[in-house]
């Protein structure tokens, strides 16, 4: 539990890259909007922790023109999984960038509403999905919840929004850990490349389907 909460140390003063709020404000707002929307507990937790790959990893990873870490979504998914979150929560975290690519391709108005920072990072993240990618993505068993995490991600950029503190989510995290039994089965390498990402995605997909 303490390892999980340690991810958020000093985030109050850490910029949310290219946005007007801090990393901590963004995380808490995303979780707040998830709860307000009646989303599942897994979506709330994934919304809270979806960006931990930006700031909690010690990998020697490329950055996106000073706008965050390449593959931060899957780095974050691995960190969350190793900390004790279920494969489903890890998949929701890992796919939140894919959801952005999907929505940018499926709904042109979505792309126009993206912040300038989010538009710039999209170029590093593969750009809008091709139709074939969309068709595959829509078949994911957690497709709807993945999109919910992304929507919360887009909402969580409000200035001076009064939301619950991190302590508010501690009972939910404890409850989730008690219900989930996770073993560390894959080592996070010093540099996360495409091959590592694909192997971890395949591993989580298998485990996530079992969990569901």
N, C-alpha and C. Protein backbone atom coordinates (compact mmCIF):
# COMPACT_ATOMS: atom_id res chain seq x y z
N UNK A 1 0.82 -1.21 0.00
CA UNK A 1 0.00 0.00 0.00
C UNK A 1 0.86 1.26 0.00
N UNK A 2 1.87 1.27 0.86
CA UNK A 2 2.73 2.45 0.94
C UNK A 2 3.50 2.67 -0.36
N UNK A 3 3.86 1.58 -1.03
CA UNK A 3 4.55 1.71 -2.31
C UNK A 3 3.66 2.42 -3.33
N UNK A 4 2.38 2.11 -3.29
CA UNK A 4 1.45 2.73 -4.22
C UNK A 4 1.31 4.21 -3.93
N UNK A 5 1.12 4.54 -2.67
CA UNK A 5 0.96 5.95 -2.30
C UNK A 5 2.24 6.73 -2.53
N UNK A 6 3.39 6.04 -2.47
CA UNK A 6 4.66 6.71 -2.68
C UNK A 6 4.78 7.26 -4.10
N UNK A 7 4.03 6.65 -5.04
CA UNK A 7 4.04 7.15 -6.41
C UNK A 7 3.67 8.63 -6.47
N UNK A 8 2.86 9.07 -5.51
CA UNK A 8 2.34 10.43 -5.56
C UNK A 8 3.16 11.43 -4.75
N UNK A 9 4.28 10.99 -4.19
CA UNK A 9 5.14 11.89 -3.42
C UNK A 9 5.61 13.06 -4.28
N UNK A 10 5.43 14.24 -3.76
CA UNK A 10 5.88 15.49 -4.41
C UNK A 10 5.13 15.84 -5.69
N UNK A 11 4.07 15.12 -5.99
CA UNK A 11 3.34 15.42 -7.24
C UNK A 11 2.59 16.74 -7.18
N UNK A 12 2.31 17.21 -5.97
CA UNK A 12 1.56 18.44 -5.84
C UNK A 12 2.29 19.60 -6.52
N UNK A 13 3.62 19.52 -6.55
CA UNK A 13 4.43 20.57 -7.16
C UNK A 13 4.99 20.16 -8.52
N UNK A 14 4.56 19.00 -9.02
CA UNK A 14 5.05 18.53 -10.30
C UNK A 14 4.06 18.88 -11.39
N UNK A 15 4.54 19.54 -12.44
CA UNK A 15 3.66 19.96 -13.52
C UNK A 15 3.06 18.75 -14.24
N UNK A 16 1.79 18.89 -14.61
CA UNK A 16 1.18 17.94 -15.53
C UNK A 16 1.51 18.48 -16.92
N UNK A 17 2.35 17.78 -17.61
CA UNK A 17 3.12 18.26 -18.74
C UNK A 17 2.26 19.01 -19.76
N UNK A 18 2.54 20.30 -19.90
CA UNK A 18 1.85 21.12 -20.89
C UNK A 18 0.45 21.52 -20.52
N UNK A 19 0.00 21.21 -19.28
CA UNK A 19 -1.35 21.52 -18.85
C UNK A 19 -1.32 22.46 -17.64
N UNK A 20 -2.47 23.10 -17.31
CA UNK A 20 -2.47 24.12 -16.26
C UNK A 20 -2.56 23.59 -14.83
N UNK A 21 -2.62 22.26 -14.64
CA UNK A 21 -2.74 21.69 -13.30
C UNK A 21 -1.52 20.83 -13.00
N UNK A 22 -1.34 20.50 -11.71
CA UNK A 22 -0.23 19.62 -11.33
C UNK A 22 -0.59 18.17 -11.63
N UNK A 23 0.40 17.30 -11.57
CA UNK A 23 0.15 15.87 -11.77
C UNK A 23 -0.84 15.35 -10.73
N UNK A 24 -0.68 15.78 -9.47
CA UNK A 24 -1.58 15.31 -8.42
C UNK A 24 -3.00 15.81 -8.64
N UNK A 25 -3.14 17.07 -8.99
CA UNK A 25 -4.47 17.61 -9.27
C UNK A 25 -5.13 16.84 -10.41
N UNK A 26 -4.38 16.56 -11.44
CA UNK A 26 -4.92 15.84 -12.58
C UNK A 26 -5.39 14.45 -12.17
N UNK A 27 -4.56 13.73 -11.43
CA UNK A 27 -4.92 12.37 -11.01
C UNK A 27 -6.18 12.37 -10.15
N UNK A 28 -6.25 13.27 -9.18
CA UNK A 28 -7.40 13.32 -8.28
C UNK A 28 -8.66 13.76 -9.02
N UNK A 29 -8.52 14.67 -9.96
CA UNK A 29 -9.68 15.09 -10.73
C UNK A 29 -10.21 13.96 -11.61
N UNK A 30 -9.30 13.21 -12.21
CA UNK A 30 -9.73 12.09 -13.06
C UNK A 30 -10.52 11.07 -12.24
N UNK A 31 -10.02 10.74 -11.06
CA UNK A 31 -10.73 9.80 -10.19
C UNK A 31 -12.07 10.37 -9.74
N UNK A 32 -12.10 11.66 -9.45
CA UNK A 32 -13.33 12.34 -9.04
C UNK A 32 -14.39 12.25 -10.14
N UNK A 33 -14.01 12.56 -11.37
CA UNK A 33 -14.97 12.51 -12.46
C UNK A 33 -15.44 11.08 -12.73
N UNK A 34 -14.55 10.10 -12.52
CA UNK A 34 -14.95 8.70 -12.68
C UNK A 34 -16.04 8.34 -11.67
N UNK A 35 -15.83 8.73 -10.44
CA UNK A 35 -16.82 8.41 -9.41
C UNK A 35 -18.13 9.15 -9.65
N UNK A 36 -18.02 10.43 -10.02
CA UNK A 36 -19.22 11.22 -10.27
C UNK A 36 -20.04 10.65 -11.43
N UNK A 37 -19.39 10.01 -12.36
CA UNK A 37 -20.06 9.44 -13.53
C UNK A 37 -20.61 8.04 -13.26
N UNK A 38 -20.37 7.53 -12.06
CA UNK A 38 -20.84 6.20 -11.72
C UNK A 38 -20.05 5.08 -12.36
N UNK A 39 -18.80 5.34 -12.68
CA UNK A 39 -17.96 4.32 -13.29
C UNK A 39 -17.55 3.27 -12.26
N UNK A 40 -17.09 2.14 -12.75
CA UNK A 40 -16.73 1.03 -11.88
C UNK A 40 -15.52 1.38 -11.00
N UNK A 41 -15.32 0.55 -9.97
CA UNK A 41 -14.17 0.78 -9.08
C UNK A 41 -12.86 0.65 -9.85
N UNK A 42 -12.81 -0.27 -10.81
CA UNK A 42 -11.59 -0.43 -11.61
C UNK A 42 -11.31 0.82 -12.44
N UNK A 43 -12.35 1.43 -12.98
CA UNK A 43 -12.17 2.66 -13.76
C UNK A 43 -11.73 3.80 -12.87
N UNK A 44 -12.28 3.88 -11.67
CA UNK A 44 -11.86 4.93 -10.72
C UNK A 44 -10.37 4.79 -10.41
N UNK A 45 -9.94 3.58 -10.11
CA UNK A 45 -8.54 3.35 -9.77
C UNK A 45 -7.63 3.59 -10.96
N UNK A 46 -8.05 3.13 -12.14
CA UNK A 46 -7.24 3.36 -13.34
C UNK A 46 -7.16 4.84 -13.66
N UNK A 47 -8.24 5.57 -13.45
CA UNK A 47 -8.24 7.01 -13.70
C UNK A 47 -7.29 7.72 -12.74
N UNK A 48 -7.24 7.25 -11.52
CA UNK A 48 -6.34 7.84 -10.52
C UNK A 48 -4.88 7.59 -10.86
N UNK A 49 -4.56 6.40 -11.33
CA UNK A 49 -3.16 6.00 -11.51
C UNK A 49 -2.70 5.96 -12.97
N UNK A 50 -3.52 6.45 -13.91
CA UNK A 50 -3.22 6.21 -15.32
C UNK A 50 -1.91 6.82 -15.80
N UNK A 51 -1.43 7.87 -15.15
CA UNK A 51 -0.22 8.55 -15.63
C UNK A 51 1.03 8.26 -14.80
N UNK A 52 0.99 7.24 -13.95
CA UNK A 52 2.16 7.00 -13.08
C UNK A 52 3.41 6.67 -13.88
N UNK A 53 3.25 6.20 -15.10
CA UNK A 53 4.42 5.89 -15.93
C UNK A 53 5.24 7.11 -16.30
N UNK A 54 4.64 8.29 -16.20
CA UNK A 54 5.37 9.52 -16.48
C UNK A 54 6.39 9.85 -15.40
N UNK A 55 6.06 9.54 -14.16
CA UNK A 55 6.88 10.06 -13.06
C UNK A 55 7.38 9.02 -12.08
N UNK A 56 6.90 7.77 -12.16
CA UNK A 56 7.28 6.78 -11.16
C UNK A 56 8.26 5.75 -11.69
N UNK A 57 8.66 5.86 -12.94
CA UNK A 57 9.53 4.87 -13.55
C UNK A 57 10.99 5.32 -13.52
N UNK A 58 11.88 4.34 -13.38
CA UNK A 58 13.32 4.61 -13.43
C UNK A 58 13.92 4.12 -14.75
N UNK A 59 13.06 3.82 -15.72
CA UNK A 59 13.58 3.36 -17.00
C UNK A 59 14.24 4.51 -17.75
N UNK A 60 15.19 4.16 -18.60
CA UNK A 60 15.86 5.15 -19.44
C UNK A 60 15.07 5.28 -20.73
N UNK A 61 14.04 6.08 -20.68
CA UNK A 61 13.06 6.10 -21.74
C UNK A 61 13.09 7.41 -22.50
N UNK A 62 12.76 7.35 -23.80
CA UNK A 62 12.64 8.56 -24.60
C UNK A 62 11.49 9.42 -24.07
N UNK A 63 11.59 10.72 -24.28
CA UNK A 63 10.51 11.62 -23.93
C UNK A 63 9.87 12.20 -25.19
N UNK A 64 8.66 12.72 -25.03
CA UNK A 64 7.91 13.27 -26.15
C UNK A 64 8.08 14.78 -26.20
N UNK A 65 9.27 15.23 -26.61
CA UNK A 65 9.55 16.67 -26.70
C UNK A 65 9.22 17.38 -25.40
N UNK A 66 9.71 16.82 -24.29
CA UNK A 66 9.47 17.37 -22.95
C UNK A 66 7.99 17.37 -22.56
N UNK A 67 7.21 16.49 -23.17
CA UNK A 67 5.79 16.38 -22.83
C UNK A 67 5.45 14.99 -22.29
N UNK A 68 6.41 14.40 -21.62
CA UNK A 68 6.16 13.11 -21.00
C UNK A 68 6.98 11.99 -21.60
N UNK A 69 6.74 10.78 -21.12
CA UNK A 69 7.56 9.62 -21.43
C UNK A 69 6.88 8.76 -22.49
N UNK A 70 7.67 8.34 -23.48
CA UNK A 70 7.17 7.42 -24.49
C UNK A 70 6.82 6.09 -23.82
N UNK A 71 5.67 5.53 -24.19
CA UNK A 71 5.17 4.29 -23.61
C UNK A 71 4.82 4.40 -22.13
N UNK A 72 4.56 5.64 -21.66
CA UNK A 72 4.25 5.81 -20.24
C UNK A 72 3.04 5.00 -19.82
N UNK A 73 2.11 4.76 -20.75
CA UNK A 73 0.89 4.04 -20.41
C UNK A 73 1.16 2.59 -20.02
N UNK A 74 2.10 1.95 -20.74
CA UNK A 74 2.40 0.54 -20.44
C UNK A 74 3.41 0.43 -19.31
N UNK A 75 4.29 1.40 -19.19
CA UNK A 75 5.16 1.46 -18.00
C UNK A 75 4.29 1.59 -16.76
N UNK A 76 3.31 2.50 -16.82
CA UNK A 76 2.39 2.68 -15.69
C UNK A 76 1.58 1.43 -15.41
N UNK A 77 1.15 0.74 -16.47
CA UNK A 77 0.39 -0.50 -16.29
C UNK A 77 1.23 -1.54 -15.57
N UNK A 78 2.52 -1.63 -15.93
CA UNK A 78 3.41 -2.60 -15.28
C UNK A 78 3.63 -2.24 -13.82
N UNK A 79 3.86 -0.97 -13.54
CA UNK A 79 4.05 -0.53 -12.16
C UNK A 79 2.81 -0.81 -11.32
N UNK A 80 1.64 -0.55 -11.89
CA UNK A 80 0.40 -0.80 -11.17
C UNK A 80 0.19 -2.29 -10.92
N UNK A 81 0.47 -3.08 -11.93
CA UNK A 81 0.29 -4.53 -11.79
C UNK A 81 1.22 -5.09 -10.72
N UNK A 82 2.47 -4.66 -10.74
CA UNK A 82 3.43 -5.15 -9.75
C UNK A 82 3.07 -4.67 -8.34
N UNK A 83 2.43 -3.51 -8.25
CA UNK A 83 2.06 -2.98 -6.94
C UNK A 83 0.90 -3.75 -6.31
N UNK A 84 0.14 -4.47 -7.13
CA UNK A 84 -0.95 -5.27 -6.59
C UNK A 84 -2.29 -5.06 -7.24
N UNK A 85 -2.37 -4.16 -8.23
CA UNK A 85 -3.62 -3.97 -8.95
C UNK A 85 -3.87 -5.15 -9.90
N UNK A 86 -5.13 -5.36 -10.22
CA UNK A 86 -5.50 -6.47 -11.09
C UNK A 86 -5.02 -6.22 -12.52
N UNK A 87 -5.03 -7.30 -13.30
CA UNK A 87 -4.70 -7.18 -14.72
C UNK A 87 -5.69 -6.26 -15.41
N UNK A 88 -6.95 -6.28 -14.98
CA UNK A 88 -7.95 -5.41 -15.61
C UNK A 88 -7.61 -3.95 -15.40
N UNK A 89 -7.26 -3.55 -14.18
CA UNK A 89 -6.88 -2.16 -13.93
C UNK A 89 -5.65 -1.81 -14.74
N UNK A 90 -4.67 -2.73 -14.80
CA UNK A 90 -3.46 -2.48 -15.59
C UNK A 90 -3.81 -2.30 -17.07
N UNK A 91 -4.75 -3.08 -17.58
CA UNK A 91 -5.15 -2.93 -18.97
C UNK A 91 -5.86 -1.60 -19.22
N UNK A 92 -6.65 -1.17 -18.27
CA UNK A 92 -7.32 0.13 -18.42
C UNK A 92 -6.29 1.26 -18.47
N UNK A 93 -5.26 1.14 -17.64
CA UNK A 93 -4.18 2.13 -17.64
C UNK A 93 -3.40 2.05 -18.96
N UNK A 94 -3.03 0.84 -19.33
CA UNK A 94 -2.18 0.66 -20.51
C UNK A 94 -2.84 1.08 -21.81
N UNK A 95 -4.16 1.01 -21.86
CA UNK A 95 -4.86 1.32 -23.11
C UNK A 95 -5.40 2.75 -23.19
N UNK A 96 -5.10 3.60 -22.21
CA UNK A 96 -5.71 4.93 -22.26
C UNK A 96 -5.16 5.78 -23.41
N UNK A 97 -3.96 5.49 -23.86
CA UNK A 97 -3.43 6.18 -25.05
C UNK A 97 -4.08 5.62 -26.32
N UNK A 98 -4.29 4.31 -26.36
CA UNK A 98 -5.00 3.74 -27.50
C UNK A 98 -6.40 4.33 -27.61
N UNK A 99 -7.03 4.59 -26.48
CA UNK A 99 -8.36 5.20 -26.51
C UNK A 99 -8.31 6.60 -27.12
N UNK A 100 -7.27 7.33 -26.82
CA UNK A 100 -7.09 8.65 -27.42
C UNK A 100 -6.91 8.53 -28.93
N UNK A 101 -6.09 7.59 -29.37
CA UNK A 101 -5.88 7.38 -30.80
C UNK A 101 -7.18 6.96 -31.47
N UNK A 102 -7.96 6.12 -30.80
CA UNK A 102 -9.23 5.65 -31.34
C UNK A 102 -10.21 6.81 -31.50
N UNK A 103 -10.38 7.59 -30.46
CA UNK A 103 -11.35 8.68 -30.50
C UNK A 103 -10.93 9.76 -31.50
N UNK A 104 -9.62 10.00 -31.61
CA UNK A 104 -9.14 11.00 -32.56
C UNK A 104 -9.43 10.57 -33.99
N UNK A 105 -9.48 9.26 -34.23
CA UNK A 105 -9.78 8.74 -35.56
C UNK A 105 -11.28 8.65 -35.80
N UNK A 106 -12.01 8.23 -34.77
CA UNK A 106 -13.45 7.98 -34.91
C UNK A 106 -14.27 9.26 -34.91
N UNK A 107 -13.83 10.24 -34.10
CA UNK A 107 -14.61 11.46 -33.93
C UNK A 107 -13.72 12.68 -34.16
N UNK A 108 -13.77 13.27 -35.34
CA UNK A 108 -12.93 14.44 -35.65
C UNK A 108 -13.08 15.57 -34.63
N UNK A 109 -14.27 15.75 -34.09
CA UNK A 109 -14.49 16.81 -33.10
C UNK A 109 -13.69 16.56 -31.83
N UNK A 110 -13.44 15.29 -31.53
CA UNK A 110 -12.65 14.95 -30.35
C UNK A 110 -11.23 15.49 -30.51
N UNK A 111 -10.65 15.28 -31.67
CA UNK A 111 -9.30 15.77 -31.91
C UNK A 111 -9.24 17.28 -31.76
N UNK A 112 -10.21 17.97 -32.29
CA UNK A 112 -10.22 19.43 -32.22
C UNK A 112 -10.30 19.93 -30.79
N UNK A 113 -10.91 19.14 -29.91
CA UNK A 113 -11.06 19.55 -28.51
C UNK A 113 -9.83 19.23 -27.67
N UNK A 114 -8.91 18.46 -28.19
CA UNK A 114 -7.71 18.13 -27.44
C UNK A 114 -6.89 19.38 -27.15
N UNK A 115 -6.22 19.39 -26.00
CA UNK A 115 -5.31 20.49 -25.71
C UNK A 115 -4.13 20.43 -26.68
N UNK A 116 -3.41 21.54 -26.79
CA UNK A 116 -2.26 21.57 -27.69
C UNK A 116 -1.22 20.54 -27.29
N UNK A 117 -1.02 20.36 -25.97
CA UNK A 117 -0.05 19.38 -25.49
C UNK A 117 -0.47 17.97 -25.89
N UNK A 118 -1.76 17.68 -25.77
CA UNK A 118 -2.26 16.35 -26.10
C UNK A 118 -2.19 16.08 -27.60
N UNK A 119 -2.39 17.12 -28.40
CA UNK A 119 -2.25 16.95 -29.86
C UNK A 119 -0.80 16.65 -30.22
N UNK A 120 0.12 17.31 -29.55
CA UNK A 120 1.54 17.09 -29.85
C UNK A 120 1.98 15.69 -29.44
N UNK A 121 1.52 15.22 -28.29
CA UNK A 121 1.93 13.89 -27.86
C UNK A 121 1.30 12.81 -28.73
N UNK A 122 0.15 13.09 -29.32
CA UNK A 122 -0.49 12.12 -30.20
C UNK A 122 0.43 11.73 -31.36
N UNK A 123 1.22 12.67 -31.84
CA UNK A 123 2.16 12.38 -32.93
C UNK A 123 3.18 11.32 -32.50
N UNK A 124 3.60 11.38 -31.24
CA UNK A 124 4.57 10.41 -30.73
C UNK A 124 3.91 9.06 -30.45
N UNK A 125 2.60 9.07 -30.28
CA UNK A 125 1.87 7.88 -29.84
C UNK A 125 1.25 7.09 -30.99
N UNK A 126 1.60 7.46 -32.21
CA UNK A 126 1.13 6.70 -33.36
C UNK A 126 0.06 7.38 -34.17
N UNK A 127 -0.42 8.55 -33.71
CA UNK A 127 -1.44 9.28 -34.43
C UNK A 127 -2.79 8.59 -34.36
N UNK A 128 -3.80 9.16 -35.01
CA UNK A 128 -5.12 8.53 -35.03
C UNK A 128 -5.07 7.11 -35.59
N UNK A 129 -5.89 6.22 -35.04
CA UNK A 129 -5.90 4.84 -35.49
C UNK A 129 -6.37 4.71 -36.94
N UNK A 130 -5.85 3.70 -37.61
CA UNK A 130 -6.37 3.29 -38.89
C UNK A 130 -7.68 2.51 -38.66
N UNK A 131 -8.47 2.35 -39.69
CA UNK A 131 -9.75 1.64 -39.55
C UNK A 131 -9.53 0.21 -39.04
N UNK A 132 -8.51 -0.45 -39.53
CA UNK A 132 -8.23 -1.82 -39.11
C UNK A 132 -7.90 -1.87 -37.62
N UNK A 133 -7.16 -0.86 -37.13
CA UNK A 133 -6.84 -0.79 -35.71
C UNK A 133 -8.09 -0.55 -34.88
N UNK A 134 -8.96 0.33 -35.38
CA UNK A 134 -10.22 0.60 -34.67
C UNK A 134 -11.06 -0.67 -34.54
N UNK A 135 -11.15 -1.42 -35.62
CA UNK A 135 -11.96 -2.63 -35.60
C UNK A 135 -11.46 -3.62 -34.56
N UNK A 136 -10.14 -3.73 -34.47
CA UNK A 136 -9.55 -4.63 -33.47
C UNK A 136 -9.78 -4.09 -32.05
N UNK A 137 -9.57 -2.81 -31.88
CA UNK A 137 -9.69 -2.19 -30.56
C UNK A 137 -11.12 -2.30 -30.03
N UNK A 138 -12.09 -2.16 -30.88
CA UNK A 138 -13.50 -2.22 -30.47
C UNK A 138 -13.89 -3.59 -29.93
N UNK A 139 -13.10 -4.61 -30.24
CA UNK A 139 -13.40 -5.97 -29.77
C UNK A 139 -12.78 -6.27 -28.41
N UNK A 140 -12.02 -5.31 -27.86
CA UNK A 140 -11.40 -5.56 -26.57
C UNK A 140 -12.49 -5.73 -25.50
N UNK A 141 -12.35 -6.73 -24.62
CA UNK A 141 -13.40 -6.98 -23.63
C UNK A 141 -13.66 -5.82 -22.68
N UNK A 142 -12.70 -4.92 -22.53
CA UNK A 142 -12.87 -3.77 -21.64
C UNK A 142 -12.96 -2.46 -22.42
N UNK A 143 -13.36 -2.56 -23.68
CA UNK A 143 -13.40 -1.40 -24.57
C UNK A 143 -14.15 -0.21 -23.95
N UNK A 144 -15.34 -0.43 -23.45
CA UNK A 144 -16.16 0.66 -22.91
C UNK A 144 -15.47 1.33 -21.73
N UNK A 145 -14.91 0.52 -20.83
CA UNK A 145 -14.26 1.09 -19.65
C UNK A 145 -12.95 1.79 -19.99
N UNK A 146 -12.25 1.30 -21.00
CA UNK A 146 -11.04 1.98 -21.47
C UNK A 146 -11.38 3.38 -21.94
N UNK A 147 -12.46 3.52 -22.71
CA UNK A 147 -12.90 4.84 -23.17
C UNK A 147 -13.31 5.72 -22.00
N UNK A 148 -13.89 5.14 -20.97
CA UNK A 148 -14.28 5.92 -19.80
C UNK A 148 -13.06 6.52 -19.11
N UNK A 149 -11.99 5.73 -19.00
CA UNK A 149 -10.75 6.26 -18.41
C UNK A 149 -10.24 7.43 -19.23
N UNK A 150 -10.30 7.30 -20.55
CA UNK A 150 -9.82 8.38 -21.42
C UNK A 150 -10.66 9.64 -21.26
N UNK A 151 -11.96 9.48 -21.17
CA UNK A 151 -12.84 10.64 -20.99
C UNK A 151 -12.55 11.34 -19.67
N UNK A 152 -12.32 10.57 -18.63
CA UNK A 152 -11.95 11.17 -17.34
C UNK A 152 -10.61 11.89 -17.44
N UNK A 153 -9.70 11.31 -18.21
CA UNK A 153 -8.39 11.92 -18.43
C UNK A 153 -8.55 13.30 -19.07
N UNK A 154 -9.42 13.42 -20.04
CA UNK A 154 -9.63 14.70 -20.72
C UNK A 154 -10.30 15.72 -19.80
N UNK A 155 -11.17 15.26 -18.91
CA UNK A 155 -11.87 16.17 -18.01
C UNK A 155 -10.96 16.72 -16.92
N UNK A 156 -9.97 15.95 -16.50
CA UNK A 156 -9.21 16.27 -15.31
C UNK A 156 -8.15 17.34 -15.49
N UNK A 157 -8.55 18.50 -15.98
CA UNK A 157 -7.60 19.58 -16.23
C UNK A 157 -8.18 20.92 -15.81
N UNK A 158 -9.05 20.89 -14.78
CA UNK A 158 -9.75 22.09 -14.34
C UNK A 158 -8.93 22.83 -13.28
N UNK A 159 -8.90 24.14 -13.38
CA UNK A 159 -8.21 24.95 -12.38
C UNK A 159 -9.08 25.12 -11.13
N UNK A 160 -8.45 24.94 -9.96
CA UNK A 160 -9.08 25.22 -8.68
C UNK A 160 -10.36 24.42 -8.45
N UNK A 161 -10.38 23.17 -8.89
CA UNK A 161 -11.52 22.30 -8.66
C UNK A 161 -11.35 21.60 -7.32
N UNK A 162 -12.37 21.66 -6.48
CA UNK A 162 -12.33 21.05 -5.15
C UNK A 162 -12.71 19.58 -5.26
N UNK A 163 -11.74 18.70 -5.01
CA UNK A 163 -11.97 17.26 -5.13
C UNK A 163 -11.42 16.56 -3.89
N UNK A 164 -11.84 15.31 -3.63
CA UNK A 164 -11.30 14.56 -2.48
C UNK A 164 -9.79 14.37 -2.59
N UNK A 165 -9.15 14.25 -1.43
CA UNK A 165 -7.71 14.04 -1.39
C UNK A 165 -7.38 12.58 -1.67
N UNK A 166 -6.09 12.28 -1.76
CA UNK A 166 -5.65 10.90 -2.01
C UNK A 166 -6.13 9.96 -0.90
N UNK A 167 -6.17 10.45 0.34
CA UNK A 167 -6.59 9.61 1.46
C UNK A 167 -8.00 9.05 1.26
N UNK A 168 -8.82 9.77 0.55
CA UNK A 168 -10.19 9.34 0.30
C UNK A 168 -10.23 7.99 -0.43
N UNK A 169 -9.21 7.73 -1.25
CA UNK A 169 -9.20 6.53 -2.08
C UNK A 169 -8.48 5.35 -1.43
N UNK A 170 -7.87 5.56 -0.26
CA UNK A 170 -7.14 4.49 0.40
C UNK A 170 -8.03 3.27 0.69
N UNK A 171 -9.24 3.45 1.24
CA UNK A 171 -10.09 2.26 1.47
C UNK A 171 -10.40 1.49 0.19
N UNK A 172 -10.62 2.19 -0.90
CA UNK A 172 -10.90 1.52 -2.17
C UNK A 172 -9.68 0.75 -2.66
N UNK A 173 -8.49 1.33 -2.50
CA UNK A 173 -7.27 0.63 -2.90
C UNK A 173 -7.07 -0.63 -2.06
N UNK A 174 -7.29 -0.50 -0.75
CA UNK A 174 -7.15 -1.66 0.15
C UNK A 174 -8.14 -2.76 -0.23
N UNK A 175 -9.37 -2.37 -0.49
CA UNK A 175 -10.40 -3.34 -0.87
C UNK A 175 -9.99 -4.07 -2.15
N UNK A 176 -9.47 -3.32 -3.10
CA UNK A 176 -9.06 -3.92 -4.37
C UNK A 176 -7.90 -4.89 -4.17
N UNK A 177 -6.93 -4.51 -3.37
CA UNK A 177 -5.78 -5.37 -3.14
C UNK A 177 -6.18 -6.67 -2.45
N UNK A 178 -7.15 -6.60 -1.54
CA UNK A 178 -7.61 -7.80 -0.84
C UNK A 178 -8.29 -8.77 -1.80
N UNK A 179 -8.92 -8.24 -2.83
CA UNK A 179 -9.65 -9.07 -3.79
C UNK A 179 -8.77 -9.57 -4.93
N UNK A 180 -7.57 -9.06 -5.02
CA UNK A 180 -6.69 -9.35 -6.16
C UNK A 180 -5.40 -9.98 -5.67
N UNK A 181 -5.04 -11.07 -6.27
CA UNK A 181 -3.79 -11.75 -5.91
C UNK A 181 -2.88 -11.72 -7.13
N UNK A 182 -1.85 -10.91 -7.06
CA UNK A 182 -0.98 -10.67 -8.21
C UNK A 182 0.45 -11.08 -7.89
N UNK A 183 1.08 -11.75 -8.84
CA UNK A 183 2.49 -12.08 -8.72
C UNK A 183 3.26 -11.30 -9.76
N UNK A 184 4.47 -10.89 -9.41
CA UNK A 184 5.33 -10.18 -10.35
C UNK A 184 5.92 -11.19 -11.32
N UNK A 185 5.38 -11.23 -12.54
CA UNK A 185 5.78 -12.26 -13.49
C UNK A 185 6.58 -11.72 -14.68
N UNK A 186 6.77 -10.42 -14.76
CA UNK A 186 7.49 -9.85 -15.90
C UNK A 186 8.37 -8.72 -15.40
N UNK A 187 9.61 -8.71 -15.80
CA UNK A 187 10.56 -7.71 -15.33
C UNK A 187 10.48 -6.46 -16.20
N UNK A 188 10.40 -5.29 -15.57
CA UNK A 188 10.44 -4.02 -16.29
C UNK A 188 11.90 -3.72 -16.63
N UNK A 189 12.23 -3.73 -17.90
CA UNK A 189 13.61 -3.54 -18.32
C UNK A 189 14.00 -2.06 -18.23
N UNK A 190 15.31 -1.80 -18.39
CA UNK A 190 15.78 -0.42 -18.32
C UNK A 190 15.22 0.42 -19.46
N UNK A 191 14.92 -0.21 -20.58
CA UNK A 191 14.35 0.53 -21.70
C UNK A 191 13.18 -0.25 -22.27
N UNK A 192 12.03 0.38 -22.32
CA UNK A 192 10.81 -0.27 -22.78
C UNK A 192 10.68 -0.07 -24.29
N UNK A 193 10.82 -1.15 -25.05
CA UNK A 193 10.69 -1.04 -26.50
C UNK A 193 9.38 -1.68 -26.96
N UNK A 194 9.14 -1.66 -28.26
CA UNK A 194 7.89 -2.17 -28.81
C UNK A 194 7.70 -3.64 -28.49
N UNK A 195 8.76 -4.41 -28.56
CA UNK A 195 8.67 -5.84 -28.30
C UNK A 195 8.23 -6.10 -26.86
N UNK A 196 8.80 -5.35 -25.91
CA UNK A 196 8.41 -5.49 -24.50
C UNK A 196 6.94 -5.12 -24.31
N UNK A 197 6.53 -4.01 -24.92
CA UNK A 197 5.15 -3.56 -24.80
C UNK A 197 4.19 -4.63 -25.31
N UNK A 198 4.47 -5.19 -26.47
CA UNK A 198 3.59 -6.21 -27.05
C UNK A 198 3.50 -7.44 -26.17
N UNK A 199 4.64 -7.87 -25.62
CA UNK A 199 4.64 -9.05 -24.75
C UNK A 199 3.82 -8.79 -23.50
N UNK A 200 3.94 -7.60 -22.93
CA UNK A 200 3.20 -7.29 -21.72
C UNK A 200 1.71 -7.15 -22.00
N UNK A 201 1.36 -6.52 -23.14
CA UNK A 201 -0.05 -6.40 -23.53
C UNK A 201 -0.67 -7.79 -23.68
N UNK A 202 0.03 -8.70 -24.35
CA UNK A 202 -0.48 -10.06 -24.53
C UNK A 202 -0.67 -10.75 -23.19
N UNK A 203 0.30 -10.57 -22.30
CA UNK A 203 0.23 -11.17 -20.97
C UNK A 203 -0.97 -10.63 -20.19
N UNK A 204 -1.16 -9.32 -20.21
CA UNK A 204 -2.28 -8.72 -19.49
C UNK A 204 -3.62 -9.11 -20.09
N UNK A 205 -3.69 -9.16 -21.40
CA UNK A 205 -4.94 -9.56 -22.04
C UNK A 205 -5.37 -10.96 -21.57
N UNK A 206 -4.42 -11.85 -21.48
CA UNK A 206 -4.72 -13.20 -21.01
C UNK A 206 -5.18 -13.18 -19.56
N UNK A 207 -4.43 -12.48 -18.72
CA UNK A 207 -4.77 -12.40 -17.30
C UNK A 207 -6.06 -11.62 -17.08
N UNK A 208 -6.26 -10.56 -17.88
CA UNK A 208 -7.45 -9.73 -17.70
C UNK A 208 -8.72 -10.46 -18.04
N UNK A 209 -8.68 -11.30 -19.04
CA UNK A 209 -9.85 -12.09 -19.41
C UNK A 209 -10.17 -13.10 -18.31
N UNK A 210 -9.15 -13.66 -17.70
CA UNK A 210 -9.36 -14.57 -16.57
C UNK A 210 -10.01 -13.84 -15.41
N UNK A 211 -9.54 -12.62 -15.17
CA UNK A 211 -10.04 -11.83 -14.04
C UNK A 211 -11.50 -11.45 -14.24
N UNK A 212 -11.86 -11.08 -15.49
CA UNK A 212 -13.21 -10.65 -15.78
C UNK A 212 -14.21 -11.80 -15.58
